[in-house]
């Protein structure tokens, strides 16, 4: 079953410098309509749900091809049939970020989280935006929810640890950074000097 993630890694989205990276389709992840269909028997899917799924899949295809205007139109069509479709909302947020419309992206991530408060991709991306807007308190809360939703998310553990460190919680931050590196040994602790005794990539 498709896990809803479209290529690319999260490496470019770590907050090693607590800066907002550019988040495009391949830098974040666009969510597939296959996720929306998972668990639904075709005999029980309503006509509106089928229309929403068709529009969502069309949007994903356009999104992957870089046709963001077409993708956005398709995702908005999906929302006409299913106003709380978290996948369409999330993918629209990615497009808003690609276009530099970070406030609109935040709104859509929050809407997706109203549908599913444990939707980890939206938690993660919203935390990055809140960090960039100098709101570490909410960003920390979002990352904490993200690692509850996915305990093996090294990126979220790393970003959480770095934020905790910069907000006076060094011990907790160190613990979370070490946990991130334990999950993904290719990560490095930015507090360690280059060539120092800290963890290194294999």
N, C-alpha and C. Protein backbone atom coordinates (compact mmCIF):
# COMPACT_ATOMS: atom_id res chain seq x y z
N UNK A 1 0.85 -1.20 0.00
CA UNK A 1 0.00 0.00 0.00
C UNK A 1 0.88 1.24 0.00
N UNK A 2 0.53 2.21 -0.79
CA UNK A 2 1.27 3.45 -0.84
C UNK A 2 1.22 4.14 0.50
N UNK A 3 2.37 4.60 0.97
CA UNK A 3 2.39 5.27 2.28
C UNK A 3 2.13 6.75 2.19
N UNK A 4 1.80 7.22 0.98
CA UNK A 4 1.43 8.61 0.82
C UNK A 4 2.60 9.55 0.67
N UNK A 5 3.81 9.02 0.55
CA UNK A 5 4.97 9.88 0.47
C UNK A 5 5.57 9.80 -0.93
N UNK A 6 5.82 10.96 -1.50
CA UNK A 6 6.27 11.02 -2.89
C UNK A 6 7.74 11.43 -2.92
N UNK A 7 8.62 10.45 -2.91
CA UNK A 7 10.04 10.70 -3.16
C UNK A 7 10.70 11.66 -2.19
N UNK A 8 12.01 11.80 -2.32
CA UNK A 8 12.77 12.77 -1.57
C UNK A 8 12.93 12.38 -0.11
N UNK A 9 13.90 12.99 0.56
CA UNK A 9 14.11 12.73 1.97
C UNK A 9 13.82 13.99 2.75
N UNK A 10 13.89 13.86 4.08
CA UNK A 10 13.65 15.02 4.92
C UNK A 10 14.95 15.70 5.30
N UNK A 11 16.06 15.24 4.78
CA UNK A 11 17.35 15.74 5.23
C UNK A 11 17.44 17.26 5.10
N UNK A 12 16.90 17.80 4.03
CA UNK A 12 16.98 19.24 3.81
C UNK A 12 16.06 20.03 4.70
N UNK A 13 15.26 19.34 5.50
CA UNK A 13 14.27 20.04 6.31
C UNK A 13 14.65 20.03 7.78
N UNK A 14 15.82 19.47 8.14
CA UNK A 14 16.25 19.53 9.53
C UNK A 14 16.54 20.98 9.90
N UNK A 15 16.30 21.32 11.14
CA UNK A 15 16.48 22.70 11.58
C UNK A 15 17.85 22.89 12.23
N UNK A 16 18.89 22.42 11.57
CA UNK A 16 20.22 22.54 12.16
C UNK A 16 20.60 24.00 12.38
N UNK A 17 20.05 24.89 11.56
CA UNK A 17 20.30 26.31 11.74
C UNK A 17 19.02 27.04 12.12
N UNK A 18 17.99 26.28 12.44
CA UNK A 18 16.68 26.84 12.78
C UNK A 18 16.22 27.82 11.71
N UNK A 19 16.41 27.45 10.46
CA UNK A 19 16.00 28.29 9.34
C UNK A 19 14.95 27.57 8.52
N UNK A 20 14.13 28.36 7.83
CA UNK A 20 13.07 27.77 7.01
C UNK A 20 13.64 27.35 5.67
N UNK A 21 13.63 26.04 5.37
CA UNK A 21 14.08 25.61 4.06
C UNK A 21 12.98 25.76 3.03
N UNK A 22 13.34 25.68 1.77
CA UNK A 22 12.34 25.67 0.71
C UNK A 22 11.69 24.30 0.68
N UNK A 23 10.38 24.27 0.76
CA UNK A 23 9.67 23.00 0.77
C UNK A 23 8.89 22.86 -0.52
N UNK A 24 9.37 22.00 -1.40
CA UNK A 24 8.68 21.72 -2.65
C UNK A 24 8.15 20.29 -2.60
N UNK A 25 7.58 19.86 -3.69
CA UNK A 25 6.98 18.53 -3.72
C UNK A 25 7.97 17.45 -3.30
N UNK A 26 9.17 17.48 -3.85
CA UNK A 26 10.13 16.43 -3.56
C UNK A 26 10.85 16.66 -2.25
N UNK A 27 10.76 17.88 -1.69
CA UNK A 27 11.43 18.16 -0.42
C UNK A 27 10.56 17.83 0.75
N UNK A 28 9.26 17.91 0.56
CA UNK A 28 8.34 17.52 1.62
C UNK A 28 7.79 16.16 1.24
N UNK A 29 6.53 16.04 1.00
CA UNK A 29 5.94 14.83 0.46
C UNK A 29 4.51 15.15 0.09
N UNK A 30 4.12 14.79 -1.09
CA UNK A 30 2.72 14.96 -1.46
C UNK A 30 1.99 13.67 -1.14
N UNK A 31 0.77 13.80 -0.67
CA UNK A 31 0.04 12.61 -0.23
C UNK A 31 -0.83 12.06 -1.33
N UNK A 32 -0.76 10.77 -1.49
CA UNK A 32 -1.41 10.09 -2.59
C UNK A 32 -2.86 9.76 -2.28
N UNK A 33 -3.64 9.74 -3.33
CA UNK A 33 -5.02 9.32 -3.19
C UNK A 33 -5.17 7.88 -2.77
N UNK A 34 -4.14 7.07 -2.96
CA UNK A 34 -4.21 5.68 -2.52
C UNK A 34 -4.41 5.59 -1.01
N UNK A 35 -3.85 6.55 -0.26
CA UNK A 35 -4.06 6.57 1.18
C UNK A 35 -5.53 6.82 1.50
N UNK A 36 -6.13 7.71 0.74
CA UNK A 36 -7.53 8.03 1.01
C UNK A 36 -8.42 6.84 0.74
N UNK A 37 -8.00 6.01 -0.22
CA UNK A 37 -8.82 4.87 -0.58
C UNK A 37 -8.59 3.67 0.32
N UNK A 38 -7.50 3.69 1.06
CA UNK A 38 -7.14 2.52 1.87
C UNK A 38 -8.25 2.19 2.85
N UNK A 39 -8.63 0.95 2.86
CA UNK A 39 -9.63 0.50 3.82
C UNK A 39 -11.06 0.71 3.36
N UNK A 40 -11.28 1.34 2.22
CA UNK A 40 -12.63 1.57 1.72
C UNK A 40 -13.02 0.49 0.74
N UNK A 41 -14.10 -0.21 0.99
CA UNK A 41 -14.64 -1.17 0.04
C UNK A 41 -15.34 -0.40 -1.06
N UNK A 42 -15.09 -0.79 -2.32
CA UNK A 42 -15.66 -0.03 -3.44
C UNK A 42 -17.17 0.02 -3.39
N UNK A 43 -17.79 -0.96 -2.75
CA UNK A 43 -19.25 -0.99 -2.70
C UNK A 43 -19.80 0.03 -1.72
N UNK A 44 -18.94 0.51 -0.81
CA UNK A 44 -19.42 1.44 0.21
C UNK A 44 -18.98 2.87 -0.05
N UNK A 45 -18.15 3.10 -1.07
CA UNK A 45 -17.68 4.44 -1.36
C UNK A 45 -18.79 5.24 -2.03
N UNK A 46 -19.09 6.42 -1.50
CA UNK A 46 -20.16 7.25 -2.05
C UNK A 46 -19.71 7.89 -3.36
N UNK A 47 -20.66 8.35 -4.17
CA UNK A 47 -20.27 9.04 -5.40
C UNK A 47 -19.38 10.24 -5.14
N UNK A 48 -19.68 11.03 -4.12
CA UNK A 48 -18.83 12.18 -3.81
C UNK A 48 -17.42 11.75 -3.44
N UNK A 49 -17.30 10.66 -2.69
CA UNK A 49 -15.98 10.17 -2.31
C UNK A 49 -15.20 9.73 -3.54
N UNK A 50 -15.88 9.11 -4.49
CA UNK A 50 -15.21 8.69 -5.71
C UNK A 50 -14.73 9.90 -6.51
N UNK A 51 -15.56 10.94 -6.56
CA UNK A 51 -15.18 12.16 -7.28
C UNK A 51 -13.99 12.82 -6.59
N UNK A 52 -14.02 12.85 -5.27
CA UNK A 52 -12.91 13.45 -4.52
C UNK A 52 -11.62 12.68 -4.77
N UNK A 53 -11.71 11.36 -4.76
CA UNK A 53 -10.52 10.54 -4.98
C UNK A 53 -9.97 10.73 -6.38
N UNK A 54 -10.85 10.80 -7.37
CA UNK A 54 -10.41 11.00 -8.75
C UNK A 54 -9.70 12.34 -8.90
N UNK A 55 -10.26 13.38 -8.29
CA UNK A 55 -9.65 14.71 -8.36
C UNK A 55 -8.31 14.73 -7.63
N UNK A 56 -8.26 14.05 -6.48
CA UNK A 56 -7.03 14.00 -5.71
C UNK A 56 -5.92 13.32 -6.50
N UNK A 57 -6.23 12.21 -7.14
CA UNK A 57 -5.23 11.50 -7.93
C UNK A 57 -4.78 12.31 -9.15
N UNK A 58 -5.73 13.05 -9.77
CA UNK A 58 -5.36 13.92 -10.88
C UNK A 58 -4.42 15.02 -10.39
N UNK A 59 -4.72 15.55 -9.21
CA UNK A 59 -3.86 16.59 -8.64
C UNK A 59 -2.47 16.08 -8.34
N UNK A 60 -2.38 14.87 -7.82
CA UNK A 60 -1.07 14.30 -7.51
C UNK A 60 -0.24 14.12 -8.78
N UNK A 61 -0.89 13.67 -9.85
CA UNK A 61 -0.17 13.48 -11.12
C UNK A 61 0.35 14.82 -11.64
N UNK A 62 -0.48 15.86 -11.59
CA UNK A 62 -0.04 17.18 -12.05
C UNK A 62 1.05 17.73 -11.14
N UNK A 63 0.90 17.49 -9.83
CA UNK A 63 1.86 17.97 -8.84
C UNK A 63 3.23 17.36 -9.11
N UNK A 64 3.26 16.05 -9.35
CA UNK A 64 4.52 15.35 -9.60
C UNK A 64 5.19 15.86 -10.87
N UNK A 65 4.38 16.32 -11.83
CA UNK A 65 4.92 16.84 -13.09
C UNK A 65 5.32 18.30 -12.98
N UNK A 66 5.08 18.91 -11.82
CA UNK A 66 5.44 20.31 -11.62
C UNK A 66 4.40 21.30 -12.09
N UNK A 67 3.21 20.81 -12.43
CA UNK A 67 2.14 21.70 -12.90
C UNK A 67 1.30 22.12 -11.68
N UNK A 68 1.80 23.08 -10.93
CA UNK A 68 1.21 23.40 -9.65
C UNK A 68 -0.16 24.07 -9.76
N UNK A 69 -0.37 24.87 -10.80
CA UNK A 69 -1.67 25.53 -10.96
C UNK A 69 -2.74 24.48 -11.22
N UNK A 70 -2.43 23.54 -12.10
CA UNK A 70 -3.37 22.47 -12.40
C UNK A 70 -3.60 21.60 -11.16
N UNK A 71 -2.52 21.29 -10.45
CA UNK A 71 -2.64 20.47 -9.25
C UNK A 71 -3.52 21.14 -8.21
N UNK A 72 -3.32 22.43 -8.01
CA UNK A 72 -4.12 23.15 -7.02
C UNK A 72 -5.60 23.13 -7.40
N UNK A 73 -5.88 23.29 -8.69
CA UNK A 73 -7.27 23.26 -9.15
C UNK A 73 -7.89 21.89 -8.87
N UNK A 74 -7.12 20.84 -9.11
CA UNK A 74 -7.62 19.48 -8.86
C UNK A 74 -7.84 19.25 -7.37
N UNK A 75 -6.91 19.68 -6.54
CA UNK A 75 -7.09 19.51 -5.10
C UNK A 75 -8.31 20.28 -4.59
N UNK A 76 -8.51 21.48 -5.13
CA UNK A 76 -9.69 22.25 -4.73
C UNK A 76 -10.98 21.57 -5.19
N UNK A 77 -10.93 20.90 -6.34
CA UNK A 77 -12.08 20.12 -6.78
C UNK A 77 -12.35 18.99 -5.81
N UNK A 78 -11.30 18.34 -5.34
CA UNK A 78 -11.48 17.28 -4.35
C UNK A 78 -12.16 17.81 -3.09
N UNK A 79 -11.79 19.02 -2.70
CA UNK A 79 -12.38 19.60 -1.48
C UNK A 79 -13.85 19.97 -1.68
N UNK A 80 -14.26 20.20 -2.91
CA UNK A 80 -15.68 20.46 -3.16
C UNK A 80 -16.52 19.23 -2.84
N UNK A 81 -15.95 18.06 -3.06
CA UNK A 81 -16.67 16.82 -2.78
C UNK A 81 -16.41 16.30 -1.37
N UNK A 82 -15.30 16.70 -0.80
CA UNK A 82 -14.93 16.26 0.55
C UNK A 82 -14.17 17.39 1.22
N UNK A 83 -14.90 18.27 1.90
CA UNK A 83 -14.32 19.50 2.43
C UNK A 83 -13.28 19.27 3.51
N UNK A 84 -13.24 18.07 4.07
CA UNK A 84 -12.27 17.79 5.14
C UNK A 84 -11.18 16.82 4.69
N UNK A 85 -10.96 16.72 3.40
CA UNK A 85 -9.96 15.79 2.89
C UNK A 85 -8.56 16.27 3.26
N UNK A 86 -7.93 15.58 4.21
CA UNK A 86 -6.64 16.04 4.74
C UNK A 86 -5.54 15.96 3.69
N UNK A 87 -5.65 15.02 2.74
CA UNK A 87 -4.63 14.88 1.73
C UNK A 87 -4.65 16.07 0.77
N UNK A 88 -5.84 16.47 0.34
CA UNK A 88 -5.96 17.64 -0.54
C UNK A 88 -5.49 18.90 0.17
N UNK A 89 -5.86 19.04 1.44
CA UNK A 89 -5.45 20.22 2.21
C UNK A 89 -3.94 20.26 2.36
N UNK A 90 -3.35 19.12 2.69
CA UNK A 90 -1.90 19.05 2.87
C UNK A 90 -1.17 19.39 1.58
N UNK A 91 -1.61 18.80 0.47
CA UNK A 91 -0.93 19.03 -0.80
C UNK A 91 -1.09 20.48 -1.27
N UNK A 92 -2.24 21.09 -0.98
CA UNK A 92 -2.40 22.52 -1.27
C UNK A 92 -1.45 23.35 -0.43
N UNK A 93 -1.22 22.94 0.80
CA UNK A 93 -0.27 23.65 1.66
C UNK A 93 1.14 23.59 1.08
N UNK A 94 1.51 22.42 0.52
CA UNK A 94 2.82 22.31 -0.12
C UNK A 94 2.96 23.30 -1.27
N UNK A 95 1.90 23.44 -2.05
CA UNK A 95 1.93 24.38 -3.17
C UNK A 95 2.03 25.80 -2.67
N UNK A 96 1.28 26.13 -1.61
CA UNK A 96 1.39 27.48 -1.04
C UNK A 96 2.82 27.76 -0.59
N UNK A 97 3.46 26.77 0.03
CA UNK A 97 4.85 26.97 0.46
C UNK A 97 5.77 27.16 -0.74
N UNK A 98 5.56 26.37 -1.78
CA UNK A 98 6.38 26.50 -2.98
C UNK A 98 6.25 27.90 -3.59
N UNK A 99 5.09 28.51 -3.41
CA UNK A 99 4.83 29.85 -3.94
C UNK A 99 5.14 30.95 -2.93
N UNK A 100 5.67 30.57 -1.77
CA UNK A 100 6.02 31.57 -0.76
C UNK A 100 4.85 32.08 0.05
N UNK A 101 3.70 31.43 -0.04
CA UNK A 101 2.51 31.86 0.70
C UNK A 101 2.41 31.09 2.02
N UNK A 102 3.30 31.41 2.93
CA UNK A 102 3.44 30.62 4.15
C UNK A 102 2.24 30.74 5.08
N UNK A 103 1.62 31.90 5.11
CA UNK A 103 0.43 32.06 5.96
C UNK A 103 -0.71 31.17 5.47
N UNK A 104 -0.91 31.14 4.16
CA UNK A 104 -1.94 30.27 3.60
C UNK A 104 -1.61 28.80 3.85
N UNK A 105 -0.33 28.48 3.74
CA UNK A 105 0.09 27.10 4.00
C UNK A 105 -0.24 26.70 5.44
N UNK A 106 0.06 27.59 6.38
CA UNK A 106 -0.26 27.31 7.78
C UNK A 106 -1.74 27.03 7.96
N UNK A 107 -2.57 27.84 7.34
CA UNK A 107 -4.02 27.66 7.47
C UNK A 107 -4.44 26.28 6.98
N UNK A 108 -3.87 25.85 5.88
CA UNK A 108 -4.25 24.55 5.31
C UNK A 108 -3.72 23.40 6.16
N UNK A 109 -2.50 23.53 6.69
CA UNK A 109 -2.01 22.49 7.59
C UNK A 109 -2.92 22.38 8.81
N UNK A 110 -3.35 23.51 9.34
CA UNK A 110 -4.23 23.49 10.51
C UNK A 110 -5.58 22.85 10.16
N UNK A 111 -6.06 23.11 8.96
CA UNK A 111 -7.32 22.50 8.55
C UNK A 111 -7.16 20.98 8.43
N UNK A 112 -6.04 20.55 7.88
CA UNK A 112 -5.78 19.11 7.79
C UNK A 112 -5.73 18.48 9.18
N UNK A 113 -5.15 19.20 10.13
CA UNK A 113 -5.03 18.68 11.50
C UNK A 113 -6.35 18.69 12.25
N UNK A 114 -7.30 19.51 11.82
CA UNK A 114 -8.64 19.43 12.40
C UNK A 114 -9.30 18.11 12.03
N UNK A 115 -9.00 17.64 10.82
CA UNK A 115 -9.54 16.36 10.38
C UNK A 115 -8.82 15.20 11.07
N UNK A 116 -7.51 15.32 11.18
CA UNK A 116 -6.70 14.26 11.81
C UNK A 116 -5.61 14.93 12.65
N UNK A 117 -5.85 15.10 13.95
CA UNK A 117 -4.89 15.79 14.82
C UNK A 117 -3.54 15.09 14.92
N UNK A 118 -3.46 13.83 14.51
CA UNK A 118 -2.20 13.09 14.57
C UNK A 118 -1.56 12.92 13.19
N UNK A 119 -1.94 13.75 12.24
CA UNK A 119 -1.41 13.63 10.88
C UNK A 119 0.02 14.18 10.87
N UNK A 120 0.98 13.29 10.94
CA UNK A 120 2.37 13.65 11.19
C UNK A 120 2.99 14.58 10.13
N UNK A 121 2.77 14.36 8.83
CA UNK A 121 3.38 15.28 7.86
C UNK A 121 2.95 16.74 8.06
N UNK A 122 1.68 16.95 8.38
CA UNK A 122 1.20 18.32 8.62
C UNK A 122 1.77 18.88 9.92
N UNK A 123 1.88 18.05 10.94
CA UNK A 123 2.49 18.49 12.20
C UNK A 123 3.94 18.93 11.96
N UNK A 124 4.67 18.12 11.21
CA UNK A 124 6.08 18.41 10.95
C UNK A 124 6.25 19.71 10.19
N UNK A 125 5.53 19.85 9.08
CA UNK A 125 5.69 21.06 8.26
C UNK A 125 5.21 22.31 8.98
N UNK A 126 4.12 22.19 9.72
CA UNK A 126 3.63 23.35 10.47
C UNK A 126 4.64 23.75 11.53
N UNK A 127 5.30 22.79 12.15
CA UNK A 127 6.32 23.10 13.15
C UNK A 127 7.47 23.89 12.53
N UNK A 128 7.86 23.53 11.32
CA UNK A 128 8.92 24.29 10.64
C UNK A 128 8.48 25.74 10.42
N UNK A 129 7.25 25.91 9.97
CA UNK A 129 6.76 27.27 9.72
C UNK A 129 6.67 28.07 11.01
N UNK A 130 6.21 27.44 12.09
CA UNK A 130 6.10 28.17 13.37
C UNK A 130 7.49 28.54 13.91
N UNK A 131 8.47 27.69 13.65
CA UNK A 131 9.84 28.02 14.05
C UNK A 131 10.33 29.24 13.28
N UNK A 132 10.06 29.25 11.98
CA UNK A 132 10.49 30.37 11.15
C UNK A 132 9.80 31.66 11.56
N UNK A 133 8.61 31.55 12.13
CA UNK A 133 7.87 32.73 12.58
C UNK A 133 8.15 33.06 14.05
N UNK A 134 9.23 32.46 14.56
CA UNK A 134 9.68 32.74 15.92
C UNK A 134 8.64 32.39 16.97
N UNK A 135 8.04 31.22 16.80
CA UNK A 135 7.08 30.72 17.78
C UNK A 135 7.55 29.33 18.24
N UNK A 136 8.66 29.29 19.00
CA UNK A 136 9.20 27.99 19.39
C UNK A 136 8.27 27.20 20.30
N UNK A 137 7.45 27.88 21.07
CA UNK A 137 6.56 27.17 21.98
C UNK A 137 5.60 26.27 21.21
N UNK A 138 4.94 26.83 20.19
CA UNK A 138 4.03 25.99 19.41
C UNK A 138 4.80 24.96 18.59
N UNK A 139 5.96 25.37 18.04
CA UNK A 139 6.75 24.43 17.25
C UNK A 139 7.14 23.21 18.08
N UNK A 140 7.57 23.43 19.31
CA UNK A 140 7.93 22.32 20.19
C UNK A 140 6.72 21.42 20.42
N UNK A 141 5.57 22.03 20.67
CA UNK A 141 4.35 21.25 20.89
C UNK A 141 4.01 20.41 19.66
N UNK A 142 4.18 20.99 18.49
CA UNK A 142 3.88 20.27 17.25
C UNK A 142 4.84 19.10 17.03
N UNK A 143 6.13 19.34 17.28
CA UNK A 143 7.09 18.24 17.15
C UNK A 143 6.82 17.14 18.17
N UNK A 144 6.43 17.52 19.36
CA UNK A 144 6.10 16.51 20.38
C UNK A 144 4.93 15.64 19.91
N UNK A 145 3.95 16.27 19.28
CA UNK A 145 2.84 15.49 18.73
C UNK A 145 3.30 14.64 17.57
N UNK A 146 4.23 15.15 16.77
CA UNK A 146 4.72 14.41 15.61
C UNK A 146 5.44 13.13 16.04
N UNK A 147 6.26 13.21 17.09
CA UNK A 147 7.01 12.01 17.50
C UNK A 147 6.11 11.02 18.23
N UNK A 148 5.00 11.49 18.76
CA UNK A 148 4.01 10.55 19.30
C UNK A 148 3.35 9.80 18.14
N UNK A 149 3.06 10.54 17.08
CA UNK A 149 2.42 9.92 15.90
C UNK A 149 3.37 8.97 15.19
N UNK A 150 4.67 9.29 15.18
CA UNK A 150 5.66 8.43 14.52
C UNK A 150 6.92 8.45 15.35
N UNK A 151 7.05 7.48 16.21
CA UNK A 151 8.18 7.44 17.16
C UNK A 151 9.52 7.20 16.48
N UNK A 152 9.50 6.80 15.20
CA UNK A 152 10.74 6.54 14.48
C UNK A 152 11.13 7.68 13.54
N UNK A 153 10.49 8.83 13.70
CA UNK A 153 10.76 9.98 12.83
C UNK A 153 12.00 10.72 13.32
N UNK A 154 13.15 10.35 12.76
CA UNK A 154 14.41 10.96 13.20
C UNK A 154 14.43 12.47 12.98
N UNK A 155 13.84 12.92 11.87
CA UNK A 155 13.84 14.35 11.57
C UNK A 155 13.11 15.13 12.65
N UNK A 156 11.96 14.63 13.07
CA UNK A 156 11.18 15.33 14.09
C UNK A 156 11.92 15.31 15.43
N UNK A 157 12.52 14.18 15.78
CA UNK A 157 13.29 14.11 17.04
C UNK A 157 14.44 15.09 17.02
N UNK A 158 15.15 15.19 15.90
CA UNK A 158 16.28 16.11 15.80
C UNK A 158 15.82 17.55 15.95
N UNK A 159 14.80 17.93 15.18
CA UNK A 159 14.31 19.31 15.25
C UNK A 159 13.79 19.65 16.64
N UNK A 160 13.10 18.69 17.26
CA UNK A 160 12.61 18.91 18.62
C UNK A 160 13.77 19.13 19.57
N UNK A 161 14.79 18.28 19.48
CA UNK A 161 15.93 18.44 20.37
C UNK A 161 16.64 19.77 20.20
N UNK A 162 16.82 20.20 18.94
CA UNK A 162 17.49 21.47 18.69
C UNK A 162 16.68 22.65 19.24
N UNK A 163 15.37 22.57 19.08
CA UNK A 163 14.53 23.65 19.62
C UNK A 163 14.56 23.68 21.14
N UNK A 164 14.51 22.51 21.75
CA UNK A 164 14.57 22.46 23.22
C UNK A 164 15.88 23.07 23.72
N UNK A 165 16.97 22.76 23.06
CA UNK A 165 18.26 23.33 23.45
C UNK A 165 18.25 24.85 23.40
N UNK A 166 17.70 25.40 22.31
CA UNK A 166 17.71 26.85 22.14
C UNK A 166 16.71 27.54 23.05
N UNK A 167 15.89 26.77 23.74
CA UNK A 167 14.90 27.35 24.64
C UNK A 167 15.14 26.92 26.09
N UNK A 168 16.41 26.71 26.41
CA UNK A 168 16.80 26.50 27.78
C UNK A 168 16.58 25.11 28.35
N UNK A 169 16.26 24.15 27.51
CA UNK A 169 16.04 22.78 28.00
C UNK A 169 17.11 21.87 27.40
N UNK A 170 18.37 22.17 27.79
CA UNK A 170 19.50 21.48 27.18
C UNK A 170 19.48 19.98 27.40
N UNK A 171 19.18 19.54 28.62
CA UNK A 171 19.22 18.11 28.90
C UNK A 171 18.20 17.34 28.05
N UNK A 172 16.97 17.85 28.01
CA UNK A 172 15.95 17.20 27.20
C UNK A 172 16.31 17.28 25.72
N UNK A 173 16.87 18.42 25.32
CA UNK A 173 17.27 18.56 23.93
C UNK A 173 18.36 17.60 23.54
N UNK A 174 19.37 17.45 24.40
CA UNK A 174 20.45 16.50 24.12
C UNK A 174 19.90 15.08 23.97
N UNK A 175 18.97 14.73 24.84
CA UNK A 175 18.39 13.39 24.80
C UNK A 175 17.68 13.14 23.47
N UNK A 176 16.92 14.14 23.00
CA UNK A 176 16.18 13.96 21.76
C UNK A 176 17.10 13.95 20.55
N UNK A 177 18.17 14.75 20.57
CA UNK A 177 19.13 14.74 19.47
C UNK A 177 19.81 13.37 19.39
N UNK A 178 20.20 12.83 20.54
CA UNK A 178 20.81 11.50 20.55
C UNK A 178 19.84 10.43 20.06
N UNK A 179 18.58 10.59 20.41
CA UNK A 179 17.58 9.63 19.93
C UNK A 179 17.46 9.70 18.42
N UNK A 180 17.49 10.92 17.87
CA UNK A 180 17.42 11.09 16.41
C UNK A 180 18.59 10.40 15.74
N UNK A 181 19.79 10.60 16.28
CA UNK A 181 20.98 10.00 15.68
C UNK A 181 20.94 8.48 15.82
N UNK A 182 20.37 8.00 16.92
CA UNK A 182 20.22 6.56 17.07
C UNK A 182 19.30 5.97 16.02
N UNK A 183 18.27 6.72 15.64
CA UNK A 183 17.35 6.27 14.60
C UNK A 183 17.95 6.40 13.21
N UNK A 184 18.78 7.42 13.02
CA UNK A 184 19.41 7.66 11.72
C UNK A 184 20.87 8.05 11.96
N UNK A 185 21.77 7.09 11.95
CA UNK A 185 23.17 7.36 12.26
C UNK A 185 23.86 8.32 11.27
N UNK A 186 23.24 8.60 10.15
CA UNK A 186 23.85 9.54 9.21
C UNK A 186 23.72 10.97 9.69
N UNK A 187 22.88 11.21 10.68
CA UNK A 187 22.70 12.56 11.20
C UNK A 187 23.88 12.95 12.07
N UNK A 188 24.10 14.25 12.19
CA UNK A 188 25.16 14.77 13.04
C UNK A 188 24.57 15.77 14.02
N UNK A 189 25.17 15.83 15.18
CA UNK A 189 24.79 16.82 16.18
C UNK A 189 25.48 18.13 15.82
N UNK A 190 24.72 19.17 15.45
CA UNK A 190 25.37 20.43 15.05
C UNK A 190 26.13 21.10 16.18
N UNK A 191 25.90 20.67 17.42
CA UNK A 191 26.64 21.24 18.54
C UNK A 191 28.05 20.69 18.63
N UNK A 192 28.31 19.57 17.94
CA UNK A 192 29.64 18.97 17.96
C UNK A 192 30.50 19.63 16.88
N UNK A 193 31.73 20.02 17.22
CA UNK A 193 32.62 20.62 16.21
C UNK A 193 32.97 19.61 15.13
N UNK A 194 33.22 20.13 13.95
CA UNK A 194 33.61 19.24 12.84
C UNK A 194 34.85 18.47 13.21
N UNK A 195 34.80 17.16 13.02
CA UNK A 195 35.95 16.33 13.35
C UNK A 195 36.06 16.02 14.82
N UNK A 196 35.03 16.43 15.60
CA UNK A 196 35.07 16.20 17.04
C UNK A 196 34.66 14.80 17.39
N UNK A 197 34.27 14.64 18.66
CA UNK A 197 33.98 13.31 19.15
C UNK A 197 32.53 12.91 18.94
N UNK A 198 31.73 13.78 18.33
CA UNK A 198 30.32 13.49 18.14
C UNK A 198 30.09 12.41 17.11
N UNK A 199 28.85 11.97 17.01
CA UNK A 199 28.51 10.91 16.03
C UNK A 199 28.81 11.37 14.61
N UNK A 200 29.26 10.47 13.80
CA UNK A 200 29.57 10.78 12.41
C UNK A 200 28.86 9.81 11.49
N UNK A 201 28.79 10.19 10.22
CA UNK A 201 28.18 9.30 9.23
C UNK A 201 29.06 8.10 9.00
N UNK A 202 28.48 6.96 8.68
CA UNK A 202 29.30 5.78 8.38
C UNK A 202 30.19 6.03 7.18
